[in-house]
Amino acid sequence: MTKLLKQAFERAAALPGDEQDAIASIVLDEIEDEARWRASFANSQDVLAKLAKQARAEIARGDVLSEDPASKPE
């Protein structure tokens, strides 16, 4: 356990029980949310790689116009 987490738990332990439960719920929700984001990100890598490959191909074919205002014809 890190020093900061230990400090947070020690401070939370000094609070009334209902406040401890509220903090515990927040922490648990954050842990679960982070796990969902990590799983979602890990599962999306193949799709992202495929989309990037398609985008590079479109650029190479000239199918994509630059959004840079300096490169637009007048």
PDB file of N, CA and C in Angstrom:
ATOM      1  N   MET A   1       0.853  -1.171   0.000  1.00  0.00           N
ATOM      2  CA  MET A   1       0.000   0.000   0.000  1.00  0.00           C
ATOM      3  C   MET A   1       0.898   1.232   0.000  1.00  0.00           C
ATOM      4  N   THR A   2       0.545   2.213  -0.804  1.00  0.00           N
ATOM      5  CA  THR A   2       1.347   3.428  -0.861  1.00  0.00           C
ATOM      6  C   THR A   2       1.126   4.277   0.392  1.00  0.00           C
ATOM      7  N   LYS A   3       2.057   5.185   0.622  1.00  0.00           N
ATOM      8  CA  LYS A   3       1.927   6.076   1.777  1.00  0.00           C
ATOM      9  C   LYS A   3       0.676   6.946   1.659  1.00  0.00           C
ATOM     10  N   LEU A   4       0.395   7.428   0.446  1.00  0.00           N
ATOM     11  CA  LEU A   4      -0.757   8.302   0.255  1.00  0.00           C
ATOM     12  C   LEU A   4      -2.064   7.550   0.500  1.00  0.00           C
ATOM     13  N   LEU A   5      -2.158   6.328  -0.013  1.00  0.00           N
ATOM     14  CA  LEU A   5      -3.383   5.549   0.211  1.00  0.00           C
ATOM     15  C   LEU A   5      -3.555   5.224   1.692  1.00  0.00           C
ATOM     16  N   LYS A   6      -2.448   4.889   2.349  1.00  0.00           N
ATOM     17  CA  LYS A   6      -2.516   4.616   3.787  1.00  0.00           C
ATOM     18  C   LYS A   6      -2.980   5.859   4.540  1.00  0.00           C
ATOM     19  N   GLN A   7      -2.465   7.021   4.160  1.00  0.00           N
ATOM     20  CA  GLN A   7      -2.875   8.274   4.793  1.00  0.00           C
ATOM     21  C   GLN A   7      -4.364   8.526   4.568  1.00  0.00           C
ATOM     22  N   ALA A   8      -4.827   8.286   3.354  1.00  0.00           N
ATOM     23  CA  ALA A   8      -6.247   8.492   3.051  1.00  0.00           C
ATOM     24  C   ALA A   8      -7.125   7.558   3.881  1.00  0.00           C
ATOM     25  N   PHE A   9      -6.718   6.304   4.003  1.00  0.00           N
ATOM     26  CA  PHE A   9      -7.500   5.353   4.806  1.00  0.00           C
ATOM     27  C   PHE A   9      -7.501   5.737   6.279  1.00  0.00           C
ATOM     28  N   GLU A  10      -6.351   6.191   6.781  1.00  0.00           N
ATOM     29  CA  GLU A  10      -6.278   6.598   8.182  1.00  0.00           C
ATOM     30  C   GLU A  10      -7.202   7.786   8.457  1.00  0.00           C
ATOM     31  N   ARG A  11      -7.218   8.744   7.538  1.00  0.00           N
ATOM     32  CA  ARG A  11      -8.093   9.911   7.713  1.00  0.00           C
ATOM     33  C   ARG A  11      -9.556   9.512   7.595  1.00  0.00           C
ATOM     34  N   ALA A  12      -9.841   8.624   6.645  1.00  0.00           N
ATOM     35  CA  ALA A  12     -11.225   8.175   6.475  1.00  0.00           C
ATOM     36  C   ALA A  12     -11.687   7.390   7.700  1.00  0.00           C
ATOM     37  N   ALA A  13     -10.788   6.642   8.315  1.00  0.00           N
ATOM     38  CA  ALA A  13     -11.145   5.833   9.476  1.00  0.00           C
ATOM     39  C   ALA A  13     -11.572   6.699  10.663  1.00  0.00           C
ATOM     40  N   ALA A  14     -11.159   7.952  10.660  1.00  0.00           N
ATOM     41  CA  ALA A  14     -11.515   8.856  11.763  1.00  0.00           C
ATOM     42  C   ALA A  14     -12.900   9.479  11.572  1.00  0.00           C
ATOM     43  N   LEU A  15     -13.493   9.286  10.412  1.00  0.00           N
ATOM     44  CA  LEU A  15     -14.809   9.863  10.119  1.00  0.00           C
ATOM     45  C   LEU A  15     -15.920   8.978  10.662  1.00  0.00           C
ATOM     46  N   PRO A  16     -17.124   9.529  10.799  1.00  0.00           N
ATOM     47  CA  PRO A  16     -18.268   8.704  11.199  1.00  0.00           C
ATOM     48  C   PRO A  16     -18.525   7.588  10.169  1.00  0.00           C
ATOM     49  N   GLY A  17     -19.158   6.545  10.602  1.00  0.00           N
ATOM     50  CA  GLY A  17     -19.382   5.369   9.768  1.00  0.00           C
ATOM     51  C   GLY A  17     -20.087   5.661   8.453  1.00  0.00           C
ATOM     52  N   ASP A  18     -21.102   6.537   8.480  1.00  0.00           N
ATOM     53  CA  ASP A  18     -21.821   6.814   7.233  1.00  0.00           C
ATOM     54  C   ASP A  18     -20.928   7.523   6.218  1.00  0.00           C
ATOM     55  N   GLU A  19     -20.032   8.385   6.700  1.00  0.00           N
ATOM     56  CA  GLU A  19     -19.097   9.053   5.791  1.00  0.00           C
ATOM     57  C   GLU A  19     -18.047   8.070   5.274  1.00  0.00           C
ATOM     58  N   GLN A  20     -17.625   7.142   6.136  1.00  0.00           N
ATOM     59  CA  GLN A  20     -16.695   6.104   5.691  1.00  0.00           C
ATOM     60  C   GLN A  20     -17.323   5.269   4.575  1.00  0.00           C
ATOM     61  N   ASP A  21     -18.591   4.904   4.762  1.00  0.00           N
ATOM     62  CA  ASP A  21     -19.284   4.117   3.741  1.00  0.00           C
ATOM     63  C   ASP A  21     -19.415   4.887   2.429  1.00  0.00           C
ATOM     64  N   ALA A  22     -19.676   6.185   2.517  1.00  0.00           N
ATOM     65  CA  ALA A  22     -19.792   7.005   1.312  1.00  0.00           C
ATOM     66  C   ALA A  22     -18.463   7.045   0.567  1.00  0.00           C
ATOM     67  N   ILE A  23     -17.383   7.233   1.298  1.00  0.00           N
ATOM     68  CA  ILE A  23     -16.056   7.253   0.678  1.00  0.00           C
ATOM     69  C   ILE A  23     -15.721   5.889   0.088  1.00  0.00           C
ATOM     70  N   ALA A  24     -16.035   4.840   0.817  1.00  0.00           N
ATOM     71  CA  ALA A  24     -15.775   3.490   0.320  1.00  0.00           C
ATOM     72  C   ALA A  24     -16.539   3.229  -0.975  1.00  0.00           C
ATOM     73  N   SER A  25     -17.774   3.682  -1.054  1.00  0.00           N
ATOM     74  CA  SER A  25     -18.562   3.505  -2.277  1.00  0.00           C
ATOM     75  C   SER A  25     -17.928   4.242  -3.450  1.00  0.00           C
ATOM     76  N   ILE A  26     -17.451   5.453  -3.189  1.00  0.00           N
ATOM     77  CA  ILE A  26     -16.801   6.227  -4.245  1.00  0.00           C
ATOM     78  C   ILE A  26     -15.539   5.517  -4.735  1.00  0.00           C
ATOM     79  N   VAL A  27     -14.728   5.056  -3.810  1.00  0.00           N
ATOM     80  CA  VAL A  27     -13.484   4.374  -4.171  1.00  0.00           C
ATOM     81  C   VAL A  27     -13.780   3.109  -4.965  1.00  0.00           C
ATOM     82  N   LEU A  28     -14.724   2.303  -4.494  1.00  0.00           N
ATOM     83  CA  LEU A  28     -15.067   1.070  -5.200  1.00  0.00           C
ATOM     84  C   LEU A  28     -15.627   1.345  -6.593  1.00  0.00           C
ATOM     85  N   ASP A  29     -16.466   2.374  -6.707  1.00  0.00           N
ATOM     86  CA  ASP A  29     -16.998   2.754  -8.017  1.00  0.00           C
ATOM     87  C   ASP A  29     -15.878   3.161  -8.972  1.00  0.00           C
ATOM     88  N   GLU A  30     -14.915   3.915  -8.466  1.00  0.00           N
ATOM     89  CA  GLU A  30     -13.782   4.343  -9.296  1.00  0.00           C
ATOM     90  C   GLU A  30     -12.951   3.149  -9.757  1.00  0.00           C
ATOM     91  N   ILE A  31     -12.724   2.214  -8.852  1.00  0.00           N
ATOM     92  CA  ILE A  31     -11.948   1.020  -9.207  1.00  0.00           C
ATOM     93  C   ILE A  31     -12.677   0.225 -10.286  1.00  0.00           C
ATOM     94  N   GLU A  32     -13.970   0.036 -10.134  1.00  0.00           N
ATOM     95  CA  GLU A  32     -14.753  -0.699 -11.130  1.00  0.00           C
ATOM     96  C   GLU A  32     -14.794   0.048 -12.458  1.00  0.00           C
ATOM     97  N   ASP A  33     -14.951   1.362 -12.405  1.00  0.00           N
ATOM     98  CA  ASP A  33     -14.985   2.164 -13.618  1.00  0.00           C
ATOM     99  C   ASP A  33     -13.656   2.079 -14.362  1.00  0.00           C
ATOM    100  N   GLU A  34     -12.579   2.168 -13.632  1.00  0.00           N
ATOM    101  CA  GLU A  34     -11.255   2.070 -14.247  1.00  0.00           C
ATOM    102  C   GLU A  34     -11.054   0.704 -14.893  1.00  0.00           C
ATOM    103  N   ALA A  35     -11.522  -0.352 -14.246  1.00  0.00           N
ATOM    104  CA  ALA A  35     -11.406  -1.696 -14.813  1.00  0.00           C
ATOM    105  C   ALA A  35     -12.208  -1.798 -16.109  1.00  0.00           C
ATOM    106  N   ARG A  36     -13.399  -1.195 -16.134  1.00  0.00           N
ATOM    107  CA  ARG A  36     -14.206  -1.218 -17.364  1.00  0.00           C
ATOM    108  C   ARG A  36     -13.507  -0.458 -18.488  1.00  0.00           C
ATOM    109  N   TRP A  37     -12.921   0.706 -18.184  1.00  0.00           N
ATOM    110  CA  TRP A  37     -12.205   1.482 -19.203  1.00  0.00           C
ATOM    111  C   TRP A  37     -11.008   0.701 -19.742  1.00  0.00           C
ATOM    112  N   ARG A  38     -10.276   0.078 -18.864  1.00  0.00           N
ATOM    113  CA  ARG A  38      -9.105  -0.699 -19.310  1.00  0.00           C
ATOM    114  C   ARG A  38      -9.528  -1.850 -20.208  1.00  0.00           C
ATOM    115  N   ALA A  39     -10.589  -2.549 -19.823  1.00  0.00           N
ATOM    116  CA  ALA A  39     -11.080  -3.664 -20.640  1.00  0.00           C
ATOM    117  C   ALA A  39     -11.586  -3.158 -21.980  1.00  0.00           C
ATOM    118  N   SER A  40     -12.314  -2.066 -21.962  1.00  0.00           N
ATOM    119  CA  SER A  40     -12.838  -1.499 -23.201  1.00  0.00           C
ATOM    120  C   SER A  40     -11.703  -1.064 -24.116  1.00  0.00           C
ATOM    121  N   PHE A  41     -10.703  -0.412 -23.567  1.00  0.00           N
ATOM    122  CA  PHE A  41      -9.564   0.038 -24.357  1.00  0.00           C
ATOM    123  C   PHE A  41      -8.802  -1.156 -24.921  1.00  0.00           C
ATOM    124  N   ALA A  42      -8.571  -2.159 -24.106  1.00  0.00           N
ATOM    125  CA  ALA A  42      -7.844  -3.347 -24.560  1.00  0.00           C
ATOM    126  C   ALA A  42      -8.598  -4.051 -25.682  1.00  0.00           C
ATOM    127  N   ASN A  43      -9.915  -4.093 -25.577  1.00  0.00           N
ATOM    128  CA  ASN A  43     -10.719  -4.773 -26.586  1.00  0.00           C
ATOM    129  C   ASN A  43     -10.881  -3.965 -27.863  1.00  0.00           C
ATOM    130  N   SER A  44     -10.546  -2.686 -27.823  1.00  0.00           N
ATOM    131  CA  SER A  44     -10.757  -1.831 -28.996  1.00  0.00           C
ATOM    132  C   SER A  44      -9.517  -1.698 -29.869  1.00  0.00           C
ATOM    133  N   GLN A  45      -8.394  -2.236 -29.459  1.00  0.00           N
ATOM    134  CA  GLN A  45      -7.156  -2.035 -30.196  1.00  0.00           C
ATOM    135  C   GLN A  45      -7.209  -2.581 -31.618  1.00  0.00           C
ATOM    136  N   ASP A  46      -7.819  -3.737 -31.813  1.00  0.00           N
ATOM    137  CA  ASP A  46      -7.916  -4.299 -33.164  1.00  0.00           C
ATOM    138  C   ASP A  46      -8.769  -3.414 -34.058  1.00  0.00           C
ATOM    139  N   VAL A  47      -9.876  -2.922 -33.520  1.00  0.00           N
ATOM    140  CA  VAL A  47     -10.762  -2.050 -34.294  1.00  0.00           C
ATOM    141  C   VAL A  47     -10.046  -0.743 -34.621  1.00  0.00           C
ATOM    142  N   LEU A  48      -9.359  -0.167 -33.645  1.00  0.00           N
ATOM    143  CA  LEU A  48      -8.626   1.077 -33.876  1.00  0.00           C
ATOM    144  C   LEU A  48      -7.527   0.891 -34.917  1.00  0.00           C
ATOM    145  N   ALA A  49      -6.825  -0.219 -34.872  1.00  0.00           N
ATOM    146  CA  ALA A  49      -5.775  -0.484 -35.856  1.00  0.00           C
ATOM    147  C   ALA A  49      -6.373  -0.604 -37.259  1.00  0.00           C
ATOM    148  N   LYS A  50      -7.508  -1.256 -37.377  1.00  0.00           N
ATOM    149  CA  LYS A  50      -8.171  -1.396 -38.674  1.00  0.00           C
ATOM    150  C   LYS A  50      -8.614  -0.031 -39.209  1.00  0.00           C
ATOM    151  N   LEU A  51      -9.196   0.795 -38.341  1.00  0.00           N
ATOM    152  CA  LEU A  51      -9.623   2.137 -38.748  1.00  0.00           C
ATOM    153  C   LEU A  51      -8.430   3.000 -39.159  1.00  0.00           C
ATOM    154  N   ALA A  52      -7.332   2.896 -38.440  1.00  0.00           N
ATOM    155  CA  ALA A  52      -6.130   3.664 -38.784  1.00  0.00           C
ATOM    156  C   ALA A  52      -5.589   3.225 -40.137  1.00  0.00           C
ATOM    157  N   LYS A  53      -5.594   1.931 -40.390  1.00  0.00           N
ATOM    158  CA  LYS A  53      -5.128   1.414 -41.680  1.00  0.00           C
ATOM    159  C   LYS A  53      -6.010   1.945 -42.811  1.00  0.00           C
ATOM    160  N   GLN A  54      -7.327   1.952 -42.595  1.00  0.00           N
ATOM    161  CA  GLN A  54      -8.251   2.472 -43.605  1.00  0.00           C
ATOM    162  C   GLN A  54      -8.016   3.966 -43.839  1.00  0.00           C
ATOM    163  N   ALA A  55      -7.791   4.714 -42.768  1.00  0.00           N
ATOM    164  CA  ALA A  55      -7.558   6.156 -42.891  1.00  0.00           C
ATOM    165  C   ALA A  55      -6.275   6.426 -43.665  1.00  0.00           C
ATOM    166  N   ARG A  56      -5.211   5.674 -43.381  1.00  0.00           N
ATOM    167  CA  ARG A  56      -3.951   5.859 -44.110  1.00  0.00           C
ATOM    168  C   ARG A  56      -4.131   5.551 -45.592  1.00  0.00           C
ATOM    169  N   ALA A  57      -4.916   4.519 -45.894  1.00  0.00           N
ATOM    170  CA  ALA A  57      -5.169   4.169 -47.294  1.00  0.00           C
ATOM    171  C   ALA A  57      -5.954   5.281 -47.996  1.00  0.00           C
ATOM    172  N   GLU A  58      -6.948   5.842 -47.311  1.00  0.00           N
ATOM    173  CA  GLU A  58      -7.735   6.935 -47.898  1.00  0.00           C
ATOM    174  C   GLU A  58      -6.856   8.159 -48.153  1.00  0.00           C
ATOM    175  N   ILE A  59      -5.967   8.451 -47.227  1.00  0.00           N
ATOM    176  CA  ILE A  59      -5.050   9.578 -47.396  1.00  0.00           C
ATOM    177  C   ILE A  59      -4.124   9.324 -48.579  1.00  0.00           C
ATOM    178  N   ALA A  60      -3.591   8.105 -48.657  1.00  0.00           N
ATOM    179  CA  ALA A  60      -2.677   7.763 -49.750  1.00  0.00           C
ATOM    180  C   ALA A  60      -3.363   7.869 -51.112  1.00  0.00           C
ATOM    181  N   ARG A  61      -4.646   7.534 -51.179  1.00  0.00           N
ATOM    182  CA  ARG A  61      -5.398   7.625 -52.437  1.00  0.00           C
ATOM    183  C   ARG A  61      -5.812   9.057 -52.747  1.00  0.00           C
ATOM    184  N   GLY A  62      -5.677   9.954 -51.784  1.00  0.00           N
ATOM    185  CA  GLY A  62      -6.103  11.324 -51.986  1.00  0.00           C
ATOM    186  C   GLY A  62      -7.586  11.526 -51.761  1.00  0.00           C
ATOM    187  N   ASP A  63      -8.219  10.604 -51.071  1.00  0.00           N
ATOM    188  CA  ASP A  63      -9.654  10.691 -50.801  1.00  0.00           C
ATOM    189  C   ASP A  63      -9.987  11.615 -49.640  1.00  0.00           C
ATOM    190  N   VAL A  64      -8.980  12.104 -48.948  1.00  0.00           N
ATOM    191  CA  VAL A  64      -9.193  12.923 -47.752  1.00  0.00           C
ATOM    192  C   VAL A  64      -8.635  14.320 -48.006  1.00  0.00           C
ATOM    193  N   LEU A  65      -9.434  15.321 -47.708  1.00  0.00           N
ATOM    194  CA  LEU A  65      -8.988  16.697 -47.842  1.00  0.00           C
ATOM    195  C   LEU A  65      -8.428  17.179 -46.518  1.00  0.00           C
ATOM    196  N   SER A  66      -7.409  17.992 -46.589  1.00  0.00           N
ATOM    197  CA  SER A  66      -6.811  18.548 -45.384  1.00  0.00           C
ATOM    198  C   SER A  66      -7.767  19.538 -44.735  1.00  0.00           C
ATOM    199  N   GLU A  67      -7.807  19.534 -43.421  1.00  0.00           N
ATOM    200  CA  GLU A  67      -8.612  20.505 -42.677  1.00  0.00           C
ATOM    201  C   GLU A  67      -7.789  21.731 -42.319  1.00  0.00           C
ATOM    202  N   ASP A  68      -6.531  21.744 -42.751  1.00  0.00           N
ATOM    203  CA  ASP A  68      -5.653  22.876 -42.490  1.00  0.00           C
ATOM    204  C   ASP A  68      -6.062  24.019 -43.412  1.00  0.00           C
ATOM    205  N   PRO A  69      -6.537  25.143 -42.875  1.00  0.00           N
ATOM    206  CA  PRO A  69      -6.982  26.265 -43.723  1.00  0.00           C
ATOM    207  C   PRO A  69      -5.875  26.766 -44.650  1.00  0.00           C
ATOM    208  N   ALA A  70      -4.622  26.624 -44.257  1.00  0.00           N
ATOM    209  CA  ALA A  70      -3.522  27.103 -45.077  1.00  0.00           C
ATOM    210  C   ALA A  70      -3.343  26.267 -46.351  1.00  0.00           C
ATOM    211  N   SER A  71      -3.867  25.044 -46.348  1.00  0.00           N
ATOM    212  CA  SER A  71      -3.688  24.174 -47.515  1.00  0.00           C
ATOM    213  C   SER A  71      -4.875  24.204 -48.465  1.00  0.00           C
ATOM    214  N   LYS A  72      -5.911  24.960 -48.152  1.00  0.00           N
ATOM    215  CA  LYS A  72      -7.090  25.016 -49.017  1.00  0.00           C
ATOM    216  C   LYS A  72      -6.880  26.016 -50.151  1.00  0.00           C
ATOM    217  N   PRO A  73      -7.349  25.650 -51.345  1.00  0.00           N
ATOM    218  CA  PRO A  73      -7.217  26.590 -52.465  1.00  0.00           C
ATOM    219  C   PRO A  73      -8.110  27.800 -52.259  1.00  0.00           C
ATOM    220  N   GLU A  74      -7.667  28.919 -52.776  1.00  0.00           N
ATOM    221  CA  GLU A  74      -8.451  30.160 -52.597  1.00  0.00           C
ATOM    222  C   GLU A  74      -9.450  30.342 -53.699  1.00  0.00           C
TER     223      GLU A  74
END
